Amino acid sequence: QKLSKYFIFKRYLEDVVEVSQFRDIEDV
C-alpha cells in the first residue's frame, strides 16, 4: 500500500530527469 502511495513521486522524479541534465533518478 505504501509502495502504491509513493509511486507518484517516482513519476515526478522521472519527469525531472527528462527536463534536466540528470541522467537518471539515482543521479538526482
PDB file of all heavy atoms in Angstrom:
ATOM      1  N   GLN A   1       0.824  -1.206   0.000  1.00  0.00           N
ATOM      2  CA  GLN A   1       0.000   0.000   0.000  1.00  0.00           C
ATOM      3  C   GLN A   1       0.861   1.260   0.000  1.00  0.00           C
ATOM      4  O   GLN A   1       0.582   2.215  -0.726  1.00  0.00           O
ATOM      5  CB  GLN A   1      -0.928  -0.012   1.215  1.00  0.00           C
ATOM      6  CG  GLN A   1      -1.989  -1.108   1.171  1.00  0.00           C
ATOM      7  CD  GLN A   1      -2.811  -1.163   2.437  1.00  0.00           C
ATOM      8  OE1 GLN A   1      -2.554  -0.431   3.395  1.00  0.00           O
ATOM      9  NE2 GLN A   1      -3.818  -2.037   2.462  1.00  0.00           N
ATOM     10  N   LYS A   2       1.930   1.259   0.808  1.00  0.00           N
ATOM     11  CA  LYS A   2       2.838   2.413   0.822  1.00  0.00           C
ATOM     12  C   LYS A   2       3.536   2.563  -0.522  1.00  0.00           C
ATOM     13  O   LYS A   2       3.774   3.677  -0.988  1.00  0.00           O
ATOM     14  CB  LYS A   2       3.859   2.248   1.938  1.00  0.00           C
ATOM     15  CG  LYS A   2       3.289   2.430   3.329  1.00  0.00           C
ATOM     16  CD  LYS A   2       4.389   2.365   4.376  1.00  0.00           C
ATOM     17  CE  LYS A   2       3.819   2.574   5.768  1.00  0.00           C
ATOM     18  NZ  LYS A   2       4.879   2.513   6.814  1.00  0.00           N
ATOM     19  N   LEU A   3       3.862   1.432  -1.136  1.00  0.00           N
ATOM     20  CA  LEU A   3       4.530   1.482  -2.437  1.00  0.00           C
ATOM     21  C   LEU A   3       3.646   2.161  -3.475  1.00  0.00           C
ATOM     22  O   LEU A   3       4.100   3.004  -4.253  1.00  0.00           O
ATOM     23  CB  LEU A   3       4.901   0.067  -2.867  1.00  0.00           C
ATOM     24  CG  LEU A   3       5.719  -0.059  -4.150  1.00  0.00           C
ATOM     25  CD1 LEU A   3       7.071   0.589  -3.969  1.00  0.00           C
ATOM     26  CD2 LEU A   3       5.880  -1.524  -4.523  1.00  0.00           C
ATOM     27  N   SER A   4       2.376   1.810  -3.477  1.00  0.00           N
ATOM     28  CA  SER A   4       1.455   2.452  -4.418  1.00  0.00           C
ATOM     29  C   SER A   4       1.246   3.925  -4.078  1.00  0.00           C
ATOM     30  O   SER A   4       1.028   4.758  -4.957  1.00  0.00           O
ATOM     31  CB  SER A   4       0.113   1.706  -4.399  1.00  0.00           C
ATOM     32  OG  SER A   4      -0.464   1.752  -3.098  1.00  0.00           O
ATOM     33  N   LYS A   5       1.328   4.245  -2.786  1.00  0.00           N
ATOM     34  CA  LYS A   5       1.150   5.639  -2.355  1.00  0.00           C
ATOM     35  C   LYS A   5       2.302   6.516  -2.824  1.00  0.00           C
ATOM     36  O   LYS A   5       2.105   7.666  -3.232  1.00  0.00           O
ATOM     37  CB  LYS A   5       1.035   5.675  -0.835  1.00  0.00           C
ATOM     38  CG  LYS A   5       0.870   7.070  -0.270  1.00  0.00           C
ATOM     39  CD  LYS A   5       0.776   7.023   1.243  1.00  0.00           C
ATOM     40  CE  LYS A   5       0.662   8.425   1.829  1.00  0.00           C
ATOM     41  NZ  LYS A   5       0.611   8.392   3.321  1.00  0.00           N
ATOM     42  N   TYR A   6       3.549   5.968  -2.772  1.00  0.00           N
ATOM     43  CA  TYR A   6       4.725   6.745  -3.147  1.00  0.00           C
ATOM     44  C   TYR A   6       5.071   6.622  -4.636  1.00  0.00           C
ATOM     45  O   TYR A   6       6.092   7.144  -5.078  1.00  0.00           O
ATOM     46  CB  TYR A   6       5.933   6.309  -2.316  1.00  0.00           C
ATOM     47  CG  TYR A   6       5.815   6.650  -0.855  1.00  0.00           C
ATOM     48  CD1 TYR A   6       6.040   5.686   0.124  1.00  0.00           C
ATOM     49  CD2 TYR A   6       5.486   7.934  -0.456  1.00  0.00           C
ATOM     50  CE1 TYR A   6       5.914   5.989   1.468  1.00  0.00           C
ATOM     51  CE2 TYR A   6       5.378   8.252   0.884  1.00  0.00           C
ATOM     52  CZ  TYR A   6       5.587   7.284   1.850  1.00  0.00           C
ATOM     53  OH  TYR A   6       5.478   7.592   3.166  1.00  0.00           O
ATOM     54  N   PHE A   7       4.267   5.941  -5.396  1.00  0.00           N
ATOM     55  CA  PHE A   7       4.573   5.752  -6.813  1.00  0.00           C
ATOM     56  C   PHE A   7       4.557   7.090  -7.560  1.00  0.00           C
ATOM     57  O   PHE A   7       5.296   7.278  -8.526  1.00  0.00           O
ATOM     58  CB  PHE A   7       3.556   4.790  -7.433  1.00  0.00           C
ATOM     59  CG  PHE A   7       3.818   4.504  -8.880  1.00  0.00           C
ATOM     60  CD1 PHE A   7       4.850   3.670  -9.262  1.00  0.00           C
ATOM     61  CD2 PHE A   7       3.033   5.101  -9.869  1.00  0.00           C
ATOM     62  CE1 PHE A   7       5.099   3.422 -10.600  1.00  0.00           C
ATOM     63  CE2 PHE A   7       3.284   4.848 -11.202  1.00  0.00           C
ATOM     64  CZ  PHE A   7       4.324   4.003 -11.578  1.00  0.00           C
ATOM     65  N   ILE A   8       3.719   8.023  -7.099  1.00  0.00           N
ATOM     66  CA  ILE A   8       3.619   9.328  -7.772  1.00  0.00           C
ATOM     67  C   ILE A   8       4.942  10.088  -7.710  1.00  0.00           C
ATOM     68  O   ILE A   8       5.296  10.822  -8.633  1.00  0.00           O
ATOM     69  CB  ILE A   8       2.479  10.157  -7.138  1.00  0.00           C
ATOM     70  CG1 ILE A   8       2.268  11.452  -7.936  1.00  0.00           C
ATOM     71  CG2 ILE A   8       2.775  10.463  -5.675  1.00  0.00           C
ATOM     72  CD1 ILE A   8       1.056  12.230  -7.448  1.00  0.00           C
ATOM     73  N   PHE A   9       5.706   9.884  -6.638  1.00  0.00           N
ATOM     74  CA  PHE A   9       6.985  10.571  -6.521  1.00  0.00           C
ATOM     75  C   PHE A   9       7.995   9.999  -7.507  1.00  0.00           C
ATOM     76  O   PHE A   9       8.857  10.719  -8.002  1.00  0.00           O
ATOM     77  CB  PHE A   9       7.508  10.455  -5.088  1.00  0.00           C
ATOM     78  CG  PHE A   9       6.600  11.093  -4.075  1.00  0.00           C
ATOM     79  CD1 PHE A   9       5.896  10.310  -3.166  1.00  0.00           C
ATOM     80  CD2 PHE A   9       6.428  12.461  -4.030  1.00  0.00           C
ATOM     81  CE1 PHE A   9       5.052  10.886  -2.236  1.00  0.00           C
ATOM     82  CE2 PHE A   9       5.590  13.054  -3.105  1.00  0.00           C
ATOM     83  CZ  PHE A   9       4.900  12.271  -2.209  1.00  0.00           C
ATOM     84  N   LYS A  10       7.889   8.733  -7.784  1.00  0.00           N
ATOM     85  CA  LYS A  10       8.766   8.141  -8.802  1.00  0.00           C
ATOM     86  C   LYS A  10       8.474   8.757 -10.166  1.00  0.00           C
ATOM     87  O   LYS A  10       9.394   9.104 -10.920  1.00  0.00           O
ATOM     88  CB  LYS A  10       8.559   6.629  -8.833  1.00  0.00           C
ATOM     89  CG  LYS A  10       9.414   5.907  -9.866  1.00  0.00           C
ATOM     90  CD  LYS A  10       9.214   4.416  -9.759  1.00  0.00           C
ATOM     91  CE  LYS A  10      10.079   3.666 -10.782  1.00  0.00           C
ATOM     92  NZ  LYS A  10       9.677   3.973 -12.147  1.00  0.00           N
ATOM     93  N   ARG A  11       7.192   8.915 -10.485  1.00  0.00           N
ATOM     94  CA  ARG A  11       6.838   9.563 -11.751  1.00  0.00           C
ATOM     95  C   ARG A  11       7.332  11.002 -11.786  1.00  0.00           C
ATOM     96  O   ARG A  11       7.811  11.492 -12.819  1.00  0.00           O
ATOM     97  CB  ARG A  11       5.307   9.521 -11.916  1.00  0.00           C
ATOM     98  CG  ARG A  11       4.743   8.111 -12.072  1.00  0.00           C
ATOM     99  CD  ARG A  11       5.196   7.493 -13.408  1.00  0.00           C
ATOM    100  NE  ARG A  11       4.838   8.318 -14.536  1.00  0.00           N
ATOM    101  CZ  ARG A  11       3.649   8.273 -15.132  1.00  0.00           C
ATOM    102  NH1 ARG A  11       2.746   7.389 -14.725  1.00  0.00           N
ATOM    103  NH2 ARG A  11       3.374   9.046 -16.155  1.00  0.00           N
ATOM    104  N   TYR A  12       7.228  11.681 -10.659  1.00  0.00           N
ATOM    105  CA  TYR A  12       7.679  13.072 -10.585  1.00  0.00           C
ATOM    106  C   TYR A  12       9.183  13.166 -10.853  1.00  0.00           C
ATOM    107  O   TYR A  12       9.650  14.022 -11.622  1.00  0.00           O
ATOM    108  CB  TYR A  12       7.352  13.632  -9.202  1.00  0.00           C
ATOM    109  CG  TYR A  12       7.947  14.992  -8.936  1.00  0.00           C
ATOM    110  CD1 TYR A  12       7.385  16.152  -9.476  1.00  0.00           C
ATOM    111  CD2 TYR A  12       9.084  15.113  -8.149  1.00  0.00           C
ATOM    112  CE1 TYR A  12       7.942  17.382  -9.232  1.00  0.00           C
ATOM    113  CE2 TYR A  12       9.648  16.349  -7.902  1.00  0.00           C
ATOM    114  CZ  TYR A  12       9.077  17.484  -8.445  1.00  0.00           C
ATOM    115  OH  TYR A  12       9.628  18.707  -8.200  1.00  0.00           O
ATOM    116  N   LEU A  13       9.973  12.263 -10.246  1.00  0.00           N
ATOM    117  CA  LEU A  13      11.418  12.283 -10.448  1.00  0.00           C
ATOM    118  C   LEU A  13      11.778  11.891 -11.882  1.00  0.00           C
ATOM    119  O   LEU A  13      12.758  12.394 -12.441  1.00  0.00           O
ATOM    120  CB  LEU A  13      12.095  11.351  -9.456  1.00  0.00           C
ATOM    121  CG  LEU A  13      12.075  11.827  -7.999  1.00  0.00           C
ATOM    122  CD1 LEU A  13      12.689  10.776  -7.094  1.00  0.00           C
ATOM    123  CD2 LEU A  13      12.809  13.146  -7.843  1.00  0.00           C
ATOM    124  N   GLU A  14      11.025  11.011 -12.475  1.00  0.00           N
ATOM    125  CA  GLU A  14      11.270  10.677 -13.881  1.00  0.00           C
ATOM    126  C   GLU A  14      11.040  11.890 -14.769  1.00  0.00           C
ATOM    127  O   GLU A  14      11.801  12.131 -15.727  1.00  0.00           O
ATOM    128  CB  GLU A  14      10.349   9.528 -14.290  1.00  0.00           C
ATOM    129  CG  GLU A  14      10.735   8.188 -13.669  1.00  0.00           C
ATOM    130  CD  GLU A  14       9.734   7.097 -14.009  1.00  0.00           C
ATOM    131  OE1 GLU A  14       8.665   7.437 -14.566  1.00  0.00           O
ATOM    132  OE2 GLU A  14      10.024   5.914 -13.723  1.00  0.00           O
ATOM    133  N   ASP A  15       9.994  12.669 -14.467  1.00  0.00           N
ATOM    134  CA  ASP A  15       9.760  13.902 -15.228  1.00  0.00           C
ATOM    135  C   ASP A  15      10.898  14.894 -15.012  1.00  0.00           C
ATOM    136  O   ASP A  15      11.303  15.616 -15.939  1.00  0.00           O
ATOM    137  CB  ASP A  15       8.432  14.527 -14.802  1.00  0.00           C
ATOM    138  CG  ASP A  15       7.245  13.650 -15.184  1.00  0.00           C
ATOM    139  OD1 ASP A  15       7.398  12.809 -16.103  1.00  0.00           O
ATOM    140  OD2 ASP A  15       6.180  13.791 -14.553  1.00  0.00           O
ATOM    141  N   VAL A  16      11.430  14.950 -13.790  1.00  0.00           N
ATOM    142  CA  VAL A  16      12.558  15.848 -13.509  1.00  0.00           C
ATOM    143  C   VAL A  16      13.770  15.450 -14.330  1.00  0.00           C
ATOM    144  O   VAL A  16      14.479  16.300 -14.886  1.00  0.00           O
ATOM    145  CB  VAL A  16      12.891  15.821 -11.990  1.00  0.00           C
ATOM    146  CG1 VAL A  16      14.205  16.568 -11.723  1.00  0.00           C
ATOM    147  CG2 VAL A  16      11.766  16.435 -11.184  1.00  0.00           C
ATOM    148  N   VAL A  17      14.041  14.166 -14.437  1.00  0.00           N
ATOM    149  CA  VAL A  17      15.181  13.686 -15.216  1.00  0.00           C
ATOM    150  C   VAL A  17      15.022  14.054 -16.686  1.00  0.00           C
ATOM    151  O   VAL A  17      15.993  14.435 -17.363  1.00  0.00           O
ATOM    152  CB  VAL A  17      15.329  12.162 -15.042  1.00  0.00           C
ATOM    153  CG1 VAL A  17      16.380  11.610 -16.002  1.00  0.00           C
ATOM    154  CG2 VAL A  17      15.711  11.828 -13.600  1.00  0.00           C
ATOM    155  N   GLU A  18      13.811  13.985 -17.201  1.00  0.00           N
ATOM    156  CA  GLU A  18      13.570  14.281 -18.626  1.00  0.00           C
ATOM    157  C   GLU A  18      13.831  15.744 -18.962  1.00  0.00           C
ATOM    158  O   GLU A  18      14.279  16.055 -20.072  1.00  0.00           O
ATOM    159  CB  GLU A  18      12.121  13.920 -18.980  1.00  0.00           C
ATOM    160  CG  GLU A  18      11.870  12.409 -18.987  1.00  0.00           C
ATOM    161  CD  GLU A  18      10.426  12.083 -19.335  1.00  0.00           C
ATOM    162  OE1 GLU A  18       9.664  13.049 -19.551  1.00  0.00           O
ATOM    163  OE2 GLU A  18      10.075  10.894 -19.391  1.00  0.00           O
ATOM    164  N   VAL A  19      13.548  16.660 -18.010  1.00  0.00           N
ATOM    165  CA  VAL A  19      13.672  18.096 -18.309  1.00  0.00           C
ATOM    166  C   VAL A  19      14.929  18.705 -17.691  1.00  0.00           C
ATOM    167  O   VAL A  19      15.058  19.938 -17.657  1.00  0.00           O
ATOM    168  CB  VAL A  19      12.432  18.849 -17.800  1.00  0.00           C
ATOM    169  CG1 VAL A  19      11.181  18.370 -18.520  1.00  0.00           C
ATOM    170  CG2 VAL A  19      12.272  18.695 -16.295  1.00  0.00           C
ATOM    171  N   SER A  20      15.858  17.891 -17.195  1.00  0.00           N
ATOM    172  CA  SER A  20      17.059  18.408 -16.543  1.00  0.00           C
ATOM    173  C   SER A  20      18.283  17.718 -17.122  1.00  0.00           C
ATOM    174  O   SER A  20      18.194  16.903 -18.041  1.00  0.00           O
ATOM    175  CB  SER A  20      16.980  18.183 -15.024  1.00  0.00           C
ATOM    176  OG  SER A  20      16.966  16.794 -14.729  1.00  0.00           O
ATOM    177  N   GLN A  21      19.450  18.074 -16.547  1.00  0.00           N
ATOM    178  CA  GLN A  21      20.706  17.494 -17.012  1.00  0.00           C
ATOM    179  C   GLN A  21      21.044  16.194 -16.321  1.00  0.00           C
ATOM    180  O   GLN A  21      22.099  15.586 -16.605  1.00  0.00           O
ATOM    181  CB  GLN A  21      21.854  18.494 -16.794  1.00  0.00           C
ATOM    182  CG  GLN A  21      22.308  18.637 -15.339  1.00  0.00           C
ATOM    183  CD  GLN A  21      21.423  19.583 -14.558  1.00  0.00           C
ATOM    184  OE1 GLN A  21      20.347  19.967 -15.016  1.00  0.00           O
ATOM    185  NE2 GLN A  21      21.886  19.972 -13.375  1.00  0.00           N
ATOM    186  N   PHE A  22      20.189  15.727 -15.444  1.00  0.00           N
ATOM    187  CA  PHE A  22      20.457  14.475 -14.737  1.00  0.00           C
ATOM    188  C   PHE A  22      20.244  13.285 -15.675  1.00  0.00           C
ATOM    189  O   PHE A  22      19.343  13.291 -16.520  1.00  0.00           O
ATOM    190  CB  PHE A  22      19.551  14.338 -13.507  1.00  0.00           C
ATOM    191  CG  PHE A  22      19.772  15.408 -12.481  1.00  0.00           C
ATOM    192  CD1 PHE A  22      18.829  16.413 -12.293  1.00  0.00           C
ATOM    193  CD2 PHE A  22      20.919  15.420 -11.710  1.00  0.00           C
ATOM    194  CE1 PHE A  22      19.028  17.409 -11.358  1.00  0.00           C
ATOM    195  CE2 PHE A  22      21.124  16.407 -10.762  1.00  0.00           C
ATOM    196  CZ  PHE A  22      20.181  17.399 -10.590  1.00  0.00           C
ATOM    197  N   ARG A  23      21.078  12.254 -15.458  1.00  0.00           N
ATOM    198  CA  ARG A  23      20.995  11.080 -16.328  1.00  0.00           C
ATOM    199  C   ARG A  23      19.886  10.127 -15.906  1.00  0.00           C
ATOM    200  O   ARG A  23      19.222   9.538 -16.733  1.00  0.00           O
ATOM    201  CB  ARG A  23      22.339  10.355 -16.317  1.00  0.00           C
ATOM    202  CG  ARG A  23      23.478  11.128 -16.977  1.00  0.00           C
ATOM    203  CD  ARG A  23      24.791  10.440 -16.750  1.00  0.00           C
ATOM    204  NE  ARG A  23      25.133  10.395 -15.319  1.00  0.00           N
ATOM    205  CZ  ARG A  23      26.242   9.852 -14.834  1.00  0.00           C
ATOM    206  NH1 ARG A  23      27.109   9.290 -15.652  1.00  0.00           N
ATOM    207  NH2 ARG A  23      26.486   9.862 -13.550  1.00  0.00           N
ATOM    208  N   ASP A  24      19.728   9.963 -14.580  1.00  0.00           N
ATOM    209  CA  ASP A  24      18.697   9.057 -14.071  1.00  0.00           C
ATOM    210  C   ASP A  24      18.283   9.514 -12.679  1.00  0.00           C
ATOM    211  O   ASP A  24      18.777  10.516 -12.155  1.00  0.00           O
ATOM    212  CB  ASP A  24      19.201   7.613 -14.051  1.00  0.00           C
ATOM    213  CG  ASP A  24      20.558   7.491 -13.363  1.00  0.00           C
ATOM    214  OD1 ASP A  24      20.893   8.391 -12.566  1.00  0.00           O
ATOM    215  OD2 ASP A  24      21.275   6.521 -13.614  1.00  0.00           O
ATOM    216  N   ILE A  25      17.370   8.746 -12.087  1.00  0.00           N
ATOM    217  CA  ILE A  25      16.850   9.096 -10.756  1.00  0.00           C
ATOM    218  C   ILE A  25      17.937   8.965  -9.699  1.00  0.00           C
ATOM    219  O   ILE A  25      18.002   9.766  -8.759  1.00  0.00           O
ATOM    220  CB  ILE A  25      15.643   8.197 -10.417  1.00  0.00           C
ATOM    221  CG1 ILE A  25      14.489   8.509 -11.374  1.00  0.00           C
ATOM    222  CG2 ILE A  25      15.195   8.417  -8.980  1.00  0.00           C
ATOM    223  CD1 ILE A  25      13.278   7.640 -11.163  1.00  0.00           C
ATOM    224  N   GLU A  26      18.809   7.969  -9.872  1.00  0.00           N
ATOM    225  CA  GLU A  26      19.888   7.804  -8.913  1.00  0.00           C
ATOM    226  C   GLU A  26      20.800   9.025  -8.904  1.00  0.00           C
ATOM    227  O   GLU A  26      21.305   9.426  -7.852  1.00  0.00           O
ATOM    228  CB  GLU A  26      20.704   6.546  -9.248  1.00  0.00           C
ATOM    229  CG  GLU A  26      19.938   5.246  -9.072  1.00  0.00           C
ATOM    230  CD  GLU A  26      19.565   5.008  -7.614  1.00  0.00           C
ATOM    231  OE1 GLU A  26      20.285   5.501  -6.736  1.00  0.00           O
ATOM    232  OE2 GLU A  26      18.555   4.325  -7.367  1.00  0.00           O
ATOM    233  N   ASP A  27      20.988   9.640 -10.089  1.00  0.00           N
ATOM    234  CA  ASP A  27      21.787  10.857 -10.169  1.00  0.00           C
ATOM    235  C   ASP A  27      21.113  12.001  -9.422  1.00  0.00           C
ATOM    236  O   ASP A  27      21.762  12.802  -8.734  1.00  0.00           O
ATOM    237  CB  ASP A  27      21.995  11.235 -11.643  1.00  0.00           C
ATOM    238  CG  ASP A  27      23.122  12.232 -11.804  1.00  0.00           C
ATOM    239  OD1 ASP A  27      23.819  12.495 -10.809  1.00  0.00           O
ATOM    240  OD2 ASP A  27      23.300  12.754 -12.920  1.00  0.00           O
ATOM    241  N   VAL A  28      19.786  12.091  -9.515  1.00  0.00           N
ATOM    242  CA  VAL A  28      19.029  13.118  -8.782  1.00  0.00           C
ATOM    243  C   VAL A  28      19.177  12.912  -7.277  1.00  0.00           C
ATOM    244  O   VAL A  28      19.429  13.863  -6.520  1.00  0.00           O
ATOM    245  CB  VAL A  28      17.543  13.076  -9.179  1.00  0.00           C
ATOM    246  CG1 VAL A  28      16.748  14.080  -8.347  1.00  0.00           C
ATOM    247  CG2 VAL A  28      17.377  13.377 -10.660  1.00  0.00           C
TER     248      VAL A  28
END
